[in-house]
Amino acid sequence: MKVMLKESGNIFSDASGIQKQYVPGIIKKLQAILPPGVTLIPHIGSAGFKVESGDMDVFVDANEVAAYFKVEDEKSARASLKKYFESKGYQAAQSGRIVHIRMPVPGGTWVQVDVMTLPNATRVAPFHQHGLTGQYDDPTFKGGHLFVLYSSIAKALGLKFSPFEGTLVDRATGKVVADDKDSVAKILFNKNATAADLNSVKTMMRALANDPQRDAKLAQAREDAKKGLITLPESVAPGSAQWFRDIRGILK
């Protein structure tokens, strides 16, 4: 399974990058304008953790949005939320599960905030709140790489991982076998693993170091690394097993 995570881009042509210092104010303003009963879940992605981010991602629960607007489905809930923001004086747009908002920041500029509506958003959020675990302190960290590796490990176990449902699912039966980070870690690695082992590619590679199924679990990720979809520490380390395999391939 190929995980494509970037659902939005530069929707508003005059939107500038979001400076780290503006993020608390944006969160406060957005919390104030959301419909009553709709909980804002911030700190999704890099905004507020990197010096500058292209846009800012937040989650809201689709069921809370639907309940406020008294609609039956997620599509109607998102359309209603877009109109709601527009009624508050904000330019808004909708694509997929996201309602995009053009918000002002100091200095007379504008930024883009992406409000993603998801069922069970509070439960799903920890899989996307990388900044809270300090991962953006590493300049090489990319959130999308995590899900590529999650999926590779899961595939070897006959499972698949859904980032926006926060679930690990049995491929054969469709049954959900885990839906929180600790449980997912224990299944992907071992019974002693915890959510912290899922924080980065580096922590996951450490968790796999002595795993007897390591090669099988990394098989898809190694193929994806060749396509530039992920950077695996082993793929660039001279003397590693993968390095020797690549060298043999070149010399053949």
Protein backbone atom coordinates (compact mmCIF):
# COMPACT_ATOMS: atom_id res chain seq x y z
CA MET A 1 0.00 0.00 0.00
CA LYS A 2 1.36 3.40 -0.97
CA VAL A 3 0.51 6.08 1.57
CA MET A 4 -0.08 9.50 0.07
CA LEU A 5 -0.42 11.99 2.88
CA LYS A 6 -0.26 15.40 1.31
CA GLU A 7 -3.87 16.27 0.61
CA SER A 8 -3.44 20.00 0.23
CA GLY A 9 -1.05 22.56 -1.14
CA ASN A 10 -1.05 26.29 -1.67
CA ILE A 11 -4.81 26.83 -1.98
CA PHE A 12 -4.64 30.61 -1.44
CA SER A 13 -2.19 32.36 -3.77
CA ASP A 14 -1.28 35.07 -1.25
CA ALA A 15 -0.68 32.72 1.69
CA SER A 16 2.80 32.96 3.15
CA GLY A 17 4.74 30.50 5.29
CA ILE A 18 3.70 30.28 8.94
CA GLN A 19 6.33 31.58 11.34
CA LYS A 20 6.70 29.55 14.52
CA GLN A 21 5.89 32.51 16.78
CA TYR A 22 2.48 33.03 15.15
CA VAL A 23 1.17 29.53 15.82
CA PRO A 24 -0.13 30.01 19.41
CA GLY A 25 -2.16 33.04 18.29
CA ILE A 26 -3.60 31.18 15.30
CA ILE A 27 -4.62 28.26 17.52
CA LYS A 28 -6.29 30.62 20.02
CA LYS A 29 -8.18 32.45 17.27
CA LEU A 30 -9.29 29.23 15.60
CA GLN A 31 -10.51 27.78 18.89
CA ALA A 32 -12.58 30.91 19.41
CA ILE A 33 -14.32 30.77 16.04
CA LEU A 34 -15.07 27.03 15.82
CA PRO A 35 -18.70 26.02 16.38
CA PRO A 36 -19.60 25.27 20.01
CA GLY A 37 -18.98 21.64 20.86
CA VAL A 38 -16.34 21.17 18.16
CA THR A 39 -12.95 20.49 19.75
CA LEU A 40 -9.80 21.75 18.05
CA ILE A 41 -6.88 19.30 18.02
CA PRO A 42 -3.73 21.30 17.18
CA HIS A 43 -0.05 20.44 16.69
CA ILE A 44 -0.64 18.19 13.69
CA GLY A 45 2.49 18.32 11.54
CA SER A 46 5.33 20.82 11.80
CA ALA A 47 3.67 24.21 12.41
CA GLY A 48 4.84 25.61 15.73
CA PHE A 49 7.84 23.32 15.85
CA LYS A 50 9.81 24.29 12.74
CA VAL A 51 10.96 27.89 12.25
CA GLU A 52 8.56 28.13 9.31
CA SER A 53 5.95 25.77 7.86
CA GLY A 54 4.11 26.03 4.57
CA ASP A 55 0.72 25.78 6.22
CA MET A 56 -0.83 24.64 9.49
CA ASP A 57 -2.77 21.42 10.01
CA VAL A 58 -5.35 20.81 12.72
CA PHE A 59 -7.93 18.07 13.30
CA VAL A 60 -11.58 18.29 14.30
CA ASP A 61 -13.93 15.39 14.87
CA ALA A 62 -16.30 14.84 11.94
CA ASN A 63 -19.02 13.56 14.27
CA GLU A 64 -18.89 16.71 16.40
CA VAL A 65 -19.14 18.86 13.26
CA ALA A 66 -22.07 16.80 11.94
CA ALA A 67 -23.87 17.03 15.29
CA TYR A 68 -23.56 20.82 15.42
CA PHE A 69 -24.92 21.31 11.91
CA LYS A 70 -27.48 18.50 12.31
CA VAL A 71 -26.37 16.67 9.16
CA GLU A 72 -26.05 12.94 8.61
CA ASP A 73 -22.76 12.49 6.75
CA GLU A 74 -19.18 13.75 6.71
CA LYS A 75 -19.45 15.33 3.26
CA SER A 76 -22.34 17.52 4.39
CA ALA A 77 -20.54 18.30 7.64
CA ARG A 78 -17.49 19.62 5.78
CA ALA A 79 -19.59 21.68 3.39
CA SER A 80 -21.43 23.18 6.35
CA LEU A 81 -18.16 23.95 8.14
CA LYS A 82 -16.84 25.77 5.07
CA LYS A 83 -19.97 27.94 4.91
CA TYR A 84 -19.69 28.56 8.65
CA PHE A 85 -16.15 29.93 8.33
CA GLU A 86 -17.23 32.10 5.42
CA SER A 87 -20.07 33.48 7.56
CA LYS A 88 -17.42 34.50 10.10
CA GLY A 89 -15.63 36.54 7.42
CA TYR A 90 -12.92 34.07 6.42
CA GLN A 91 -12.12 32.99 2.90
CA ALA A 92 -12.46 29.21 2.82
CA ALA A 93 -12.13 26.34 0.37
CA GLN A 94 -12.72 22.63 0.54
CA SER A 95 -10.77 19.67 -0.87
CA GLY A 96 -11.28 16.10 0.21
CA ARG A 97 -11.58 15.88 3.98
CA ILE A 98 -10.04 19.33 4.51
CA VAL A 99 -11.60 22.76 4.92
CA HIS A 100 -8.91 25.35 4.17
CA ILE A 101 -9.04 28.78 5.82
CA ARG A 102 -7.17 31.96 4.92
CA MET A 103 -6.24 33.60 8.22
CA PRO A 104 -4.45 36.90 8.96
CA VAL A 105 -1.21 37.11 10.92
CA PRO A 106 0.79 40.12 12.17
CA GLY A 107 2.46 42.18 9.48
CA GLY A 108 -0.54 42.25 7.18
CA THR A 109 0.08 38.83 5.66
CA TRP A 110 -2.09 35.75 5.37
CA VAL A 111 -1.52 32.06 6.09
CA GLN A 112 -3.34 28.87 5.23
CA VAL A 113 -4.82 26.68 7.96
CA ASP A 114 -6.06 23.22 6.97
CA VAL A 115 -8.88 21.95 9.18
CA MET A 116 -9.09 18.20 8.62
CA THR A 117 -12.36 16.56 9.65
CA LEU A 118 -11.96 12.95 10.76
CA PRO A 119 -14.04 10.43 12.68
CA ASN A 120 -12.40 9.67 16.05
CA ALA A 121 -10.00 12.57 15.56
CA THR A 122 -8.78 12.57 19.17
CA ARG A 123 -7.76 8.92 18.93
CA VAL A 124 -6.11 9.34 15.50
CA ALA A 125 -4.20 12.54 16.35
CA PRO A 126 -1.26 10.98 18.26
CA PHE A 127 -0.15 9.27 15.04
CA HIS A 128 0.29 12.76 13.50
CA GLN A 129 1.51 14.90 16.43
CA HIS A 130 5.21 14.45 15.73
CA GLY A 131 6.24 17.79 17.19
CA LEU A 132 5.01 16.85 20.66
CA THR A 133 7.55 14.04 20.73
CA GLY A 134 10.37 16.34 19.62
CA GLN A 135 10.87 14.85 16.18
CA TYR A 136 11.25 18.20 14.40
CA ASP A 137 14.43 18.79 16.38
CA ASP A 138 15.92 16.45 13.78
CA PRO A 139 16.20 18.47 10.53
CA THR A 140 16.00 15.25 8.48
CA PHE A 141 12.67 14.17 9.98
CA LYS A 142 9.70 13.81 7.64
CA GLY A 143 6.35 12.68 8.99
CA GLY A 144 5.37 10.92 5.78
CA HIS A 145 8.32 8.55 6.11
CA LEU A 146 6.81 7.11 9.28
CA PHE A 147 3.74 5.83 7.50
CA VAL A 148 5.76 4.32 4.68
CA LEU A 149 7.67 2.29 7.27
CA TYR A 150 4.53 1.47 9.30
CA SER A 151 3.01 0.08 6.12
CA SER A 152 6.10 -1.95 5.18
CA ILE A 153 6.26 -3.64 8.58
CA ALA A 154 2.51 -4.23 8.61
CA LYS A 155 2.58 -5.77 5.13
CA ALA A 156 5.06 -8.41 6.24
CA LEU A 157 2.64 -9.38 9.00
CA GLY A 158 -0.39 -9.62 6.73
CA LEU A 159 -1.71 -6.31 8.01
CA LYS A 160 -2.19 -2.78 6.71
CA PHE A 161 -2.06 0.56 8.48
CA SER A 162 -4.48 3.43 7.83
CA PRO A 163 -2.97 6.80 8.91
CA PHE A 164 -6.22 8.76 8.91
CA GLU A 165 -8.18 6.07 10.71
CA GLY A 166 -5.34 5.26 13.11
CA THR A 167 -5.95 1.53 12.69
CA LEU A 168 -3.97 -1.61 12.03
CA VAL A 169 -6.14 -3.98 10.01
CA ASP A 170 -5.91 -7.67 9.10
CA ARG A 171 -5.66 -7.79 5.30
CA ALA A 172 -7.50 -11.11 5.04
CA THR A 173 -10.45 -10.40 7.32
CA GLY A 174 -10.63 -6.59 7.43
CA LYS A 175 -10.69 -6.81 11.24
CA VAL A 176 -9.11 -3.99 13.23
CA VAL A 177 -6.37 -5.49 15.41
CA ALA A 178 -5.09 -2.25 17.00
CA ASP A 179 -6.17 1.38 17.10
CA ASP A 180 -3.74 3.17 19.43
CA LYS A 181 0.01 3.74 19.23
CA ASP A 182 1.03 1.43 22.07
CA SER A 183 -0.98 -1.48 20.70
CA VAL A 184 0.24 -0.85 17.16
CA ALA A 185 3.86 -0.81 18.38
CA LYS A 186 3.47 -4.11 20.22
CA ILE A 187 2.09 -5.82 17.13
CA LEU A 188 4.59 -4.32 14.67
CA PHE A 189 7.62 -4.98 16.88
CA ASN A 190 7.23 -7.05 20.05
CA LYS A 191 5.28 -7.23 23.30
CA ASN A 192 7.71 -4.87 25.06
CA ALA A 193 7.46 -2.11 22.45
CA THR A 194 5.72 1.19 23.22
CA ALA A 195 4.38 4.19 21.33
CA ALA A 196 7.82 5.81 21.62
CA ASP A 197 9.23 3.18 19.25
CA LEU A 198 6.98 4.62 16.52
CA ASN A 199 8.21 8.20 16.89
CA SER A 200 10.67 8.22 13.97
CA VAL A 201 12.31 6.06 11.33
CA LYS A 202 15.37 5.92 13.57
CA THR A 203 13.45 4.64 16.60
CA MET A 204 11.68 2.06 14.45
CA MET A 205 14.95 0.84 12.97
CA ARG A 206 16.32 0.44 16.49
CA ALA A 207 13.24 -1.53 17.49
CA LEU A 208 13.82 -3.85 14.51
CA ALA A 209 17.55 -4.33 15.19
CA ASN A 210 17.23 -7.87 16.60
CA ASP A 211 13.91 -8.78 15.04
CA PRO A 212 14.09 -12.20 13.30
CA GLN A 213 11.62 -10.88 10.70
CA ARG A 214 13.59 -7.69 10.12
CA ASP A 215 14.34 -8.23 6.44
CA ALA A 216 10.75 -9.16 5.64
CA LYS A 217 9.44 -6.15 7.56
CA LEU A 218 11.79 -3.80 5.71
CA ALA A 219 11.28 -5.31 2.26
CA GLN A 220 8.69 -2.84 0.99
CA ALA A 221 10.41 0.12 2.66
CA ARG A 222 13.67 -0.79 0.89
CA GLU A 223 11.86 -0.74 -2.44
CA ASP A 224 10.29 2.60 -1.53
CA ALA A 225 13.73 3.95 -0.54
CA LYS A 226 14.95 3.30 -4.09
CA LYS A 227 12.06 5.49 -5.32
CA GLY A 228 12.93 8.29 -2.90
CA LEU A 229 9.79 7.80 -0.79
CA ILE A 230 11.73 7.20 2.42
CA THR A 231 15.28 7.44 3.72
CA LEU A 232 16.39 4.39 5.67
CA PRO A 233 19.54 4.75 7.81
CA GLU A 234 20.78 1.35 6.65
CA SER A 235 20.56 2.27 2.98
CA VAL A 236 23.36 4.82 3.29
CA ALA A 237 25.54 3.15 5.92
CA PRO A 238 28.65 1.55 4.40
CA GLY A 239 29.06 -1.98 5.68
CA SER A 240 25.37 -2.55 6.37
CA ALA A 241 23.61 -5.57 4.93
CA GLN A 242 21.65 -3.43 2.51
CA TRP A 243 24.82 -1.58 1.46
CA PHE A 244 26.46 -4.91 0.54
CA ARG A 245 23.35 -5.99 -1.37
CA ASP A 246 23.36 -2.74 -3.33
CA ILE A 247 27.07 -3.04 -4.11
CA ARG A 248 26.60 -6.60 -5.36
CA GLY A 249 23.80 -5.36 -7.58
CA ILE A 250 26.05 -2.68 -9.07
CA LEU A 251 28.91 -5.11 -9.72
CA LYS A 252 26.80 -7.75 -11.44
